[in-house]
Amino acid sequence: MEAADYDRLVEPHRDELRAHCYRMLGSAQDAEDALQEAMLRAWRGLERFEGRSSLRTWLYTITTNVCLKMIQRRPKLVLPIDHGPPSDPADGLAPPLVESVWIEPYPDEGLAAGDPQAGPEARYDQRESVELAFIAALQHLPARQRAVLILRDVLGFSAREVAATLDATPAAVDTALQRARRNADERLPERSQQATMRALGDRRLREIVDRFVAAWERADVEAVVGLLTEQAVVSMPPVPSWFRGREAVATFLAARPLAGRTPVRLLATGANGQPAFAQYRRPAGGDAFLPVDLFVLTLEGERIAEITAFLDDEMFARFGLPARLAP
């Protein structure tokens, strides 16, 4: 097999397979590792591909089984709200957990570049299927249920195709799908973020986002809290502490991120199909704004229900964000 043949046949599927790995694993870094392993297996096995299924289905079979093996070797990933109870802002922040237990954000550009044409049986569109709530719900499913739900309801594969992928029977796939749907629905909100944003419309969504950015950059705690729901949540993986409710959130914001000690700037990006921002701070005496964290907003109607701040500036490169901003 010539490299040119491999590139022509396999490379066009790389981005959608990476997104598939992310849905399975909940980690962008783990997804990249799984994708590399799957691509290596595809390279080694392409000459033996007999065409009994489509090339795309064959690639998903390889990739899904790589992910299933990876899931066996690592802990379930969660968001802080699934890790423990809410914190009291008077207690300060718990130290970050050193082990990798947190769901990571996924850049929208990676999804858009590999947005596949889902089959007719798909129930979720591609952006709904990477929303933080959806990814978190998936991580609570047993691994094979997770695979079945993604392959059937996100990608629209038939029960027969999924059965061949998982070395199971179509009847077993249907049973696993019903259980997976029931378990996932218990954790999913009534309305997806995509439906929420469509109901708002582009203009109203932009107004909400602009008000949030302006309030945050001027460290206006009252204005930020005024945009939140009554039971809004702020979390900051890898810190296990998280806060619920306007009063607790206001106390935390005033004491920590919006204490107004250093100037900040927010740079819009896209993560998990939701509004997202990279935060930069300019240290005292510094000549540039430097990366701090990346946070994703979850909306409920016209208000913000969750601010999930991922405290990892190393992910800025993955999102194609600059390493510094001029003052």
Protein backbone atom coordinates (compact mmCIF):
# COMPACT_ATOMS: atom_id res chain seq x y z
CA MET A 1 0.00 0.00 0.00
CA GLU A 2 1.47 3.29 -1.08
CA ALA A 3 1.34 6.26 1.27
CA ALA A 4 -0.56 8.21 -1.37
CA ASP A 5 -3.28 5.54 -1.46
CA TYR A 6 -3.57 5.60 2.32
CA ASP A 7 -3.82 9.39 2.38
CA ARG A 8 -6.47 9.37 -0.31
CA LEU A 9 -8.62 6.70 1.33
CA VAL A 10 -8.19 7.20 5.07
CA GLU A 11 -7.10 10.77 5.78
CA PRO A 12 -10.47 12.35 4.81
CA HIS A 13 -12.01 10.52 7.79
CA ARG A 14 -9.44 11.62 10.37
CA ASP A 15 -11.36 14.57 11.86
CA GLU A 16 -14.66 12.76 12.27
CA LEU A 17 -12.85 9.80 13.85
CA ARG A 18 -11.11 12.15 16.29
CA ALA A 19 -14.52 13.52 17.32
CA HIS A 20 -15.75 9.95 17.74
CA CYS A 21 -12.83 9.20 20.05
CA TYR A 22 -13.64 12.30 22.07
CA ARG A 23 -17.26 11.22 22.53
CA MET A 24 -16.09 7.81 23.66
CA LEU A 25 -13.35 9.05 25.98
CA GLY A 26 -14.29 12.58 27.13
CA SER A 27 -10.68 13.74 26.79
CA ALA A 28 -9.24 15.59 23.81
CA GLN A 29 -5.74 14.30 24.60
CA ASP A 30 -6.91 10.71 25.00
CA ALA A 31 -8.88 11.10 21.79
CA GLU A 32 -5.72 12.11 19.94
CA ASP A 33 -3.84 9.11 21.37
CA ALA A 34 -6.65 6.73 20.40
CA LEU A 35 -6.84 8.22 16.93
CA GLN A 36 -3.12 7.72 16.34
CA GLU A 37 -3.39 4.07 17.41
CA ALA A 38 -6.42 3.54 15.17
CA MET A 39 -4.71 5.17 12.19
CA LEU A 40 -1.69 2.93 12.69
CA ARG A 41 -3.91 -0.14 12.73
CA ALA A 42 -5.69 1.08 9.60
CA TRP A 43 -2.35 1.57 7.85
CA ARG A 44 -1.25 -1.94 8.73
CA GLY A 45 -4.57 -3.52 7.80
CA LEU A 46 -5.72 -1.60 4.74
CA GLU A 47 -4.35 -4.14 2.27
CA ARG A 48 -6.44 -6.84 3.99
CA PHE A 49 -9.64 -4.77 3.86
CA GLU A 50 -12.05 -6.97 1.91
CA GLY A 51 -14.83 -4.45 1.30
CA ARG A 52 -17.55 -6.41 3.12
CA SER A 53 -18.52 -3.09 4.71
CA SER A 54 -17.83 0.47 3.66
CA LEU A 55 -14.34 1.80 4.35
CA ARG A 56 -15.86 4.34 6.77
CA THR A 57 -17.62 1.60 8.75
CA TRP A 58 -14.39 -0.41 8.86
CA LEU A 59 -12.50 2.60 10.21
CA TYR A 60 -15.14 3.18 12.88
CA THR A 61 -14.87 -0.47 13.88
CA ILE A 62 -11.13 -0.14 14.40
CA THR A 63 -11.43 3.18 16.22
CA THR A 64 -14.30 2.10 18.49
CA ASN A 65 -12.43 -0.99 19.62
CA VAL A 66 -9.27 1.03 20.33
CA CYS A 67 -11.37 3.32 22.53
CA LEU A 68 -13.02 0.41 24.34
CA LYS A 69 -9.61 -0.99 25.26
CA MET A 70 -8.43 2.43 26.42
CA ILE A 71 -11.51 2.82 28.65
CA GLN A 72 -10.56 -0.40 30.45
CA ARG A 73 -7.21 1.11 31.46
CA ARG A 74 -8.32 4.42 32.96
CA PRO A 75 -10.85 5.90 35.39
CA LYS A 76 -14.19 7.35 34.36
CA LEU A 77 -13.93 11.05 33.52
CA VAL A 78 -16.36 13.51 35.10
CA LEU A 79 -17.03 17.19 35.67
CA PRO A 80 -16.63 18.58 39.21
CA ILE A 81 -20.40 18.57 39.82
CA ASP A 82 -20.31 14.76 39.49
CA HIS A 83 -17.21 14.41 41.67
CA GLY A 84 -18.51 15.77 44.96
CA PRO A 85 -20.96 18.19 46.63
CA PRO A 86 -20.85 21.97 46.09
CA SER A 87 -18.31 23.94 48.11
CA ASP A 88 -18.68 26.85 50.50
CA PRO A 89 -16.81 29.88 49.09
CA ALA A 90 -15.69 30.75 52.63
CA ASP A 91 -13.62 27.57 52.69
CA GLY A 92 -11.44 28.54 49.73
CA LEU A 93 -10.47 26.20 46.91
CA ALA A 94 -9.38 22.60 47.29
CA PRO A 95 -6.05 21.76 45.63
CA PRO A 96 -6.22 20.49 42.04
CA LEU A 97 -6.37 16.73 41.63
CA VAL A 98 -3.19 15.41 40.10
CA GLU A 99 -4.81 12.33 38.57
CA SER A 100 -6.59 12.74 35.26
CA VAL A 101 -10.29 12.38 36.09
CA TRP A 102 -11.75 15.40 34.32
CA ILE A 103 -13.64 15.76 31.08
CA GLU A 104 -11.82 18.14 28.73
CA PRO A 105 -13.27 20.66 26.25
CA TYR A 106 -13.24 19.97 22.52
CA PRO A 107 -12.62 22.67 19.87
CA ASP A 108 -15.52 23.39 17.54
CA GLU A 109 -13.19 23.72 14.56
CA GLY A 110 -12.20 20.07 14.89
CA LEU A 111 -15.86 19.08 14.74
CA ALA A 112 -16.76 21.33 11.82
CA ALA A 113 -13.84 20.07 9.75
CA GLY A 114 -14.94 16.48 10.12
CA ASP A 115 -18.72 16.85 10.26
CA PRO A 116 -19.89 13.58 8.70
CA GLN A 117 -23.19 12.86 7.06
CA ALA A 118 -25.00 10.90 9.75
CA GLY A 119 -27.15 7.96 8.80
CA PRO A 120 -30.95 8.16 8.73
CA GLU A 121 -31.31 6.64 12.22
CA ALA A 122 -29.31 9.36 14.02
CA ARG A 123 -31.16 11.17 16.83
CA TYR A 124 -28.56 13.83 17.68
CA ASP A 125 -26.84 16.33 15.41
CA GLN A 126 -23.07 16.57 15.48
CA ARG A 127 -22.88 19.62 17.75
CA GLU A 128 -25.44 18.31 20.22
CA SER A 129 -23.30 15.20 20.56
CA VAL A 130 -20.27 17.09 21.89
CA GLU A 131 -22.08 19.41 24.32
CA LEU A 132 -20.63 19.14 27.81
CA ALA A 133 -23.81 17.69 29.29
CA PHE A 134 -23.96 15.03 26.58
CA ILE A 135 -20.28 14.09 26.96
CA ALA A 136 -20.70 13.92 30.75
CA ALA A 137 -23.77 11.69 30.39
CA LEU A 138 -21.89 9.38 28.02
CA GLN A 139 -19.06 8.89 30.51
CA HIS A 140 -21.52 7.44 33.04
CA LEU A 141 -22.58 4.68 30.64
CA PRO A 142 -20.87 1.29 30.58
CA ALA A 143 -18.36 1.27 27.74
CA ARG A 144 -20.30 -0.91 25.31
CA GLN A 145 -23.55 0.96 25.95
CA ARG A 146 -21.65 4.15 25.26
CA ALA A 147 -20.35 2.78 21.97
CA VAL A 148 -23.80 1.56 20.93
CA LEU A 149 -25.46 4.91 21.71
CA ILE A 150 -22.85 6.87 19.76
CA LEU A 151 -22.81 4.55 16.78
CA ARG A 152 -26.60 4.32 16.55
CA ASP A 153 -27.91 7.71 17.74
CA VAL A 154 -25.07 10.04 16.75
CA LEU A 155 -23.70 8.39 13.62
CA GLY A 156 -26.88 6.64 12.53
CA PHE A 157 -25.36 3.22 11.87
CA SER A 158 -27.81 0.34 11.60
CA ALA A 159 -28.13 -2.29 14.31
CA ARG A 160 -26.51 -4.80 11.96
CA GLU A 161 -23.51 -2.52 11.35
CA VAL A 162 -23.06 -1.90 15.08
CA ALA A 163 -23.36 -5.61 15.80
CA ALA A 164 -20.53 -6.31 13.35
CA THR A 165 -18.42 -3.56 14.93
CA LEU A 166 -18.86 -4.93 18.47
CA ASP A 167 -18.97 -8.63 17.59
CA ALA A 168 -22.51 -8.89 18.94
CA THR A 169 -25.98 -9.70 17.63
CA PRO A 170 -28.44 -7.06 16.40
CA ALA A 171 -30.79 -8.08 19.22
CA ALA A 172 -28.06 -7.47 21.80
CA VAL A 173 -27.34 -4.10 20.23
CA ASP A 174 -31.01 -3.10 20.42
CA THR A 175 -31.15 -4.10 24.11
CA ALA A 176 -27.98 -2.15 24.91
CA LEU A 177 -29.34 0.86 23.01
CA GLN A 178 -32.56 0.96 25.02
CA ARG A 179 -30.62 0.80 28.29
CA ALA A 180 -28.16 3.44 27.13
CA ARG A 181 -30.93 5.81 26.08
CA ARG A 182 -32.71 5.39 29.40
CA ASN A 183 -29.53 5.98 31.42
CA ALA A 184 -28.43 8.95 29.31
CA ASP A 185 -31.86 10.62 29.35
CA GLU A 186 -31.80 10.63 33.17
CA ARG A 187 -28.73 12.91 33.06
CA LEU A 188 -29.47 15.10 30.05
CA PRO A 189 -31.29 18.45 30.32
CA GLU A 190 -34.70 18.83 28.69
CA ARG A 191 -33.29 21.15 26.03
CA SER A 192 -29.92 20.91 24.33
CA GLN A 193 -27.64 23.90 23.97
CA GLN A 194 -28.21 23.86 20.21
CA ALA A 195 -31.97 24.12 20.70
CA THR A 196 -31.50 26.86 23.30
CA MET A 197 -29.30 28.92 21.00
CA ARG A 198 -31.65 28.44 18.05
CA ALA A 199 -34.54 29.70 20.18
CA LEU A 200 -32.52 32.77 21.22
CA GLY A 201 -31.44 33.62 17.69
CA ASP A 202 -28.07 34.99 16.69
CA ARG A 203 -28.78 38.58 17.70
CA ARG A 204 -30.03 37.82 21.23
CA LEU A 205 -27.26 35.29 21.78
CA ARG A 206 -24.67 37.86 20.76
CA GLU A 207 -26.17 40.41 23.15
CA ILE A 208 -25.95 37.98 26.08
CA VAL A 209 -22.39 37.02 25.22
CA ASP A 210 -21.29 40.62 24.75
CA ARG A 211 -22.79 41.65 28.11
CA PHE A 212 -20.99 38.79 29.80
CA VAL A 213 -17.64 39.66 28.23
CA ALA A 214 -17.96 43.34 29.09
CA ALA A 215 -18.95 42.62 32.69
CA TRP A 216 -16.19 40.07 33.19
CA GLU A 217 -13.44 42.25 31.73
CA ARG A 218 -14.36 45.16 33.99
CA ALA A 219 -14.62 42.79 36.99
CA ASP A 220 -18.25 43.78 37.59
CA VAL A 221 -19.46 40.98 39.87
CA GLU A 222 -22.99 42.34 40.14
CA ALA A 223 -23.38 42.51 36.37
CA VAL A 224 -22.02 39.00 35.85
CA VAL A 225 -24.27 37.54 38.54
CA GLY A 226 -27.22 39.38 37.00
CA LEU A 227 -26.77 37.25 33.89
CA LEU A 228 -26.93 33.97 35.82
CA THR A 229 -29.79 31.66 36.71
CA GLU A 230 -30.74 31.36 40.38
CA GLN A 231 -28.97 28.01 40.70
CA ALA A 232 -26.05 28.76 38.41
CA VAL A 233 -22.90 26.67 38.78
CA VAL A 234 -19.24 27.65 38.52
CA SER A 235 -16.66 24.86 38.32
CA MET A 236 -12.94 24.82 37.55
CA PRO A 237 -11.43 21.44 36.67
CA PRO A 238 -8.87 20.22 37.75
CA VAL A 239 -9.94 21.95 41.00
CA PRO A 240 -12.64 19.76 42.58
CA SER A 241 -14.32 22.76 44.31
CA TRP A 242 -17.46 24.11 42.65
CA PHE A 243 -20.17 26.56 43.64
CA ARG A 244 -23.93 26.63 43.16
CA GLY A 245 -26.37 29.52 43.45
CA ARG A 246 -26.01 33.23 42.80
CA GLU A 247 -24.98 34.12 46.34
CA ALA A 248 -22.20 31.53 46.54
CA VAL A 249 -21.01 32.35 43.03
CA ALA A 250 -20.98 36.08 43.75
CA THR A 251 -18.92 35.55 46.91
CA PHE A 252 -16.43 33.40 45.04
CA LEU A 253 -16.13 35.74 42.05
CA ALA A 254 -15.57 38.78 44.25
CA ALA A 255 -12.87 37.01 46.24
CA ARG A 256 -11.02 35.27 43.41
CA PRO A 257 -11.32 35.71 39.62
CA LEU A 258 -13.06 39.12 39.66
CA ALA A 259 -11.19 40.66 42.57
CA GLY A 260 -9.87 43.20 40.05
CA ARG A 261 -6.22 42.75 40.94
CA THR A 262 -5.01 42.32 37.35
CA PRO A 263 -6.48 43.31 33.98
CA VAL A 264 -8.10 40.51 31.98
CA ARG A 265 -9.19 39.99 28.40
CA LEU A 266 -11.52 37.39 26.96
CA LEU A 267 -11.02 36.03 23.46
CA ALA A 268 -14.01 34.29 21.91
CA THR A 269 -13.58 30.73 20.71
CA GLY A 270 -15.83 27.71 20.29
CA ALA A 271 -15.90 24.58 22.43
CA ASN A 272 -18.36 21.70 22.59
CA GLY A 273 -20.81 23.56 20.39
CA GLN A 274 -21.24 26.19 23.12
CA PRO A 275 -20.08 29.79 23.66
CA ALA A 276 -16.53 29.71 24.99
CA PHE A 277 -13.75 32.14 25.85
CA ALA A 278 -10.05 32.03 26.46
CA GLN A 279 -9.10 34.20 29.42
CA TYR A 280 -5.83 36.12 29.48
CA ARG A 281 -4.38 38.11 32.37
CA ARG A 282 -1.69 40.77 32.35
CA PRO A 283 0.57 40.37 35.38
CA ALA A 284 1.79 43.46 37.22
CA GLY A 285 4.54 45.07 35.19
CA GLY A 286 3.93 42.68 32.29
CA ASP A 287 3.95 43.78 28.66
CA ALA A 288 1.34 41.25 27.45
CA PHE A 289 -1.76 39.30 28.48
CA LEU A 290 -0.91 35.65 29.16
CA PRO A 291 -3.15 32.54 29.01
CA VAL A 292 -5.00 31.55 32.17
CA ASP A 293 -7.95 29.29 31.41
CA LEU A 294 -10.65 28.47 28.93
CA PHE A 295 -14.26 28.54 29.97
CA VAL A 296 -17.43 27.25 28.40
CA LEU A 297 -20.87 28.75 29.01
CA THR A 298 -24.02 26.66 29.34
CA LEU A 299 -27.23 28.59 28.73
CA GLU A 300 -30.72 28.14 30.12
CA GLY A 301 -33.11 30.34 28.24
CA GLU A 302 -31.66 33.86 28.27
CA ARG A 303 -29.45 33.27 31.30
CA ILE A 304 -26.20 31.48 31.97
CA ALA A 305 -26.66 28.27 33.95
CA GLU A 306 -23.03 27.12 34.13
CA ILE A 307 -19.55 28.53 33.75
CA THR A 308 -17.05 25.68 33.39
CA ALA A 309 -13.51 27.06 33.56
CA PHE A 310 -10.82 24.63 32.45
CA LEU A 311 -7.67 25.71 34.28
CA ASP A 312 -5.15 24.41 31.77
CA ASP A 313 -3.36 26.90 29.58
CA GLU A 314 -1.72 24.04 27.63
CA MET A 315 -4.98 23.50 25.77
CA PHE A 316 -4.71 26.94 24.15
CA ALA A 317 -2.55 25.49 21.37
CA ARG A 318 -5.12 22.77 20.72
CA PHE A 319 -7.73 25.48 20.18
CA GLY A 320 -5.42 27.49 17.90
CA LEU A 321 -5.32 30.35 20.42
CA PRO A 322 -2.41 32.79 20.67
CA ALA A 323 0.18 32.31 23.38
CA ARG A 324 -0.06 36.01 24.35
CA LEU A 325 -2.10 39.11 23.58
CA ALA A 326 -0.72 42.59 23.15
CA PRO A 327 -2.02 45.16 25.67
